[in-house]
Amino acid sequence: MKKLAALVAVASLASTAAFAGGPVVVAEEPAPAVAVAPASSGSLGGGAVLAGLAGLALVAALVANDSGDH
């Protein structure tokens, strides 16, 4: 009877919450990829330069249009 009581005591201690389940495995997520924008030709960018040149060409065309009676 003492052996049975000892076996029950050991079994109850071995089946506590500390031994329940397996080890906790925390999978690390990979670091997000950093997208680097291509370097522009200047601080304004290429689009602003083209728009400025188009505006200057329009002003030059309007000034060069000689429709006056001089």
C-alpha atoms as a PDB file:
ATOM      1  CA  MET A   1       0.000   0.000   0.000  1.00  0.00           C
ATOM      2  CA  LYS A   2       2.886   2.345   0.741  1.00  0.00           C
ATOM      3  CA  LYS A   3       4.309   1.721  -2.724  1.00  0.00           C
ATOM      4  CA  LEU A   4       0.963   2.604  -4.313  1.00  0.00           C
ATOM      5  CA  ALA A   5       0.713   5.822  -2.277  1.00  0.00           C
ATOM      6  CA  ALA A   6       4.279   6.762  -3.231  1.00  0.00           C
ATOM      7  CA  LEU A   7       3.541   6.079  -6.910  1.00  0.00           C
ATOM      8  CA  VAL A   8       0.397   8.235  -6.796  1.00  0.00           C
ATOM      9  CA  ALA A   9       2.326  11.045  -5.068  1.00  0.00           C
ATOM     10  CA  VAL A  10       5.110  10.957  -7.669  1.00  0.00           C
ATOM     11  CA  ALA A  11       2.583  10.846 -10.532  1.00  0.00           C
ATOM     12  CA  SER A  12       0.651  13.826  -9.159  1.00  0.00           C
ATOM     13  CA  LEU A  13       3.843  15.871  -8.763  1.00  0.00           C
ATOM     14  CA  ALA A  14       5.075  14.948 -12.225  1.00  0.00           C
ATOM     15  CA  SER A  15       1.817  15.986 -13.893  1.00  0.00           C
ATOM     16  CA  THR A  16       1.708  19.575 -12.666  1.00  0.00           C
ATOM     17  CA  ALA A  17       1.263  22.589 -14.899  1.00  0.00           C
ATOM     18  CA  ALA A  18       5.019  23.078 -15.061  1.00  0.00           C
ATOM     19  CA  PHE A  19       5.334  19.956 -17.199  1.00  0.00           C
ATOM     20  CA  ALA A  20       2.205  20.514 -19.301  1.00  0.00           C
ATOM     21  CA  GLY A  21       2.733  21.013 -23.021  1.00  0.00           C
ATOM     22  CA  GLY A  22       5.960  21.452 -24.881  1.00  0.00           C
ATOM     23  CA  PRO A  23       8.490  24.241 -24.934  1.00  0.00           C
ATOM     24  CA  VAL A  24       7.334  27.655 -26.115  1.00  0.00           C
ATOM     25  CA  VAL A  25       9.016  28.405 -29.416  1.00  0.00           C
ATOM     26  CA  VAL A  26       8.907  32.042 -30.517  1.00  0.00           C
ATOM     27  CA  ALA A  27       9.670  32.384 -34.211  1.00  0.00           C
ATOM     28  CA  GLU A  28      11.296  35.679 -35.128  1.00  0.00           C
ATOM     29  CA  GLU A  29       9.745  37.494 -38.037  1.00  0.00           C
ATOM     30  CA  PRO A  30      12.163  38.518 -40.776  1.00  0.00           C
ATOM     31  CA  ALA A  31      12.999  42.198 -40.908  1.00  0.00           C
ATOM     32  CA  PRO A  32      11.005  44.086 -43.550  1.00  0.00           C
ATOM     33  CA  ALA A  33      12.909  44.988 -46.668  1.00  0.00           C
ATOM     34  CA  VAL A  34      13.757  48.661 -46.932  1.00  0.00           C
ATOM     35  CA  ALA A  35      12.979  50.131 -50.336  1.00  0.00           C
ATOM     36  CA  VAL A  36      15.350  52.927 -51.302  1.00  0.00           C
ATOM     37  CA  ALA A  37      14.082  55.432 -53.837  1.00  0.00           C
ATOM     38  CA  PRO A  38      16.477  56.222 -56.666  1.00  0.00           C
ATOM     39  CA  ALA A  39      18.369  59.456 -56.238  1.00  0.00           C
ATOM     40  CA  SER A  40      16.930  62.356 -58.201  1.00  0.00           C
ATOM     41  CA  SER A  41      19.019  64.757 -60.247  1.00  0.00           C
ATOM     42  CA  GLY A  42      18.339  67.601 -57.833  1.00  0.00           C
ATOM     43  CA  SER A  43      16.294  68.633 -54.867  1.00  0.00           C
ATOM     44  CA  LEU A  44      13.335  69.511 -57.093  1.00  0.00           C
ATOM     45  CA  GLY A  45      13.407  66.342 -59.141  1.00  0.00           C
ATOM     46  CA  GLY A  46      13.285  65.820 -62.888  1.00  0.00           C
ATOM     47  CA  GLY A  47       9.572  66.563 -63.287  1.00  0.00           C
ATOM     48  CA  ALA A  48       9.843  70.069 -61.855  1.00  0.00           C
ATOM     49  CA  VAL A  49      12.787  70.891 -64.114  1.00  0.00           C
ATOM     50  CA  LEU A  50      10.894  69.775 -67.208  1.00  0.00           C
ATOM     51  CA  ALA A  51       7.818  71.773 -66.182  1.00  0.00           C
ATOM     52  CA  GLY A  52       9.980  74.860 -65.662  1.00  0.00           C
ATOM     53  CA  LEU A  53      11.618  74.484 -69.063  1.00  0.00           C
ATOM     54  CA  ALA A  54       8.216  74.063 -70.714  1.00  0.00           C
ATOM     55  CA  GLY A  55       6.987  77.234 -69.011  1.00  0.00           C
ATOM     56  CA  LEU A  56      10.042  79.180 -70.157  1.00  0.00           C
ATOM     57  CA  ALA A  57       9.550  77.923 -73.714  1.00  0.00           C
ATOM     58  CA  LEU A  58       5.903  79.077 -73.629  1.00  0.00           C
ATOM     59  CA  VAL A  59       6.877  82.533 -72.378  1.00  0.00           C
ATOM     60  CA  ALA A  60       9.607  82.793 -75.017  1.00  0.00           C
ATOM     61  CA  ALA A  61       7.110  81.825 -77.733  1.00  0.00           C
ATOM     62  CA  LEU A  62       4.639  84.470 -76.553  1.00  0.00           C
ATOM     63  CA  VAL A  63       7.320  87.174 -76.421  1.00  0.00           C
ATOM     64  CA  ALA A  64       8.711  86.252 -79.838  1.00  0.00           C
ATOM     65  CA  ASN A  65       5.256  86.449 -81.441  1.00  0.00           C
ATOM     66  CA  ASP A  66       5.424  89.804 -83.168  1.00  0.00           C
ATOM     67  CA  SER A  67       1.863  90.722 -84.068  1.00  0.00           C
ATOM     68  CA  GLY A  68       2.105  94.372 -83.085  1.00  0.00           C
ATOM     69  CA  ASP A  69       2.096  97.459 -85.348  1.00  0.00           C
ATOM     70  CA  HIS A  70       5.565  98.825 -84.582  1.00  0.00           C
END
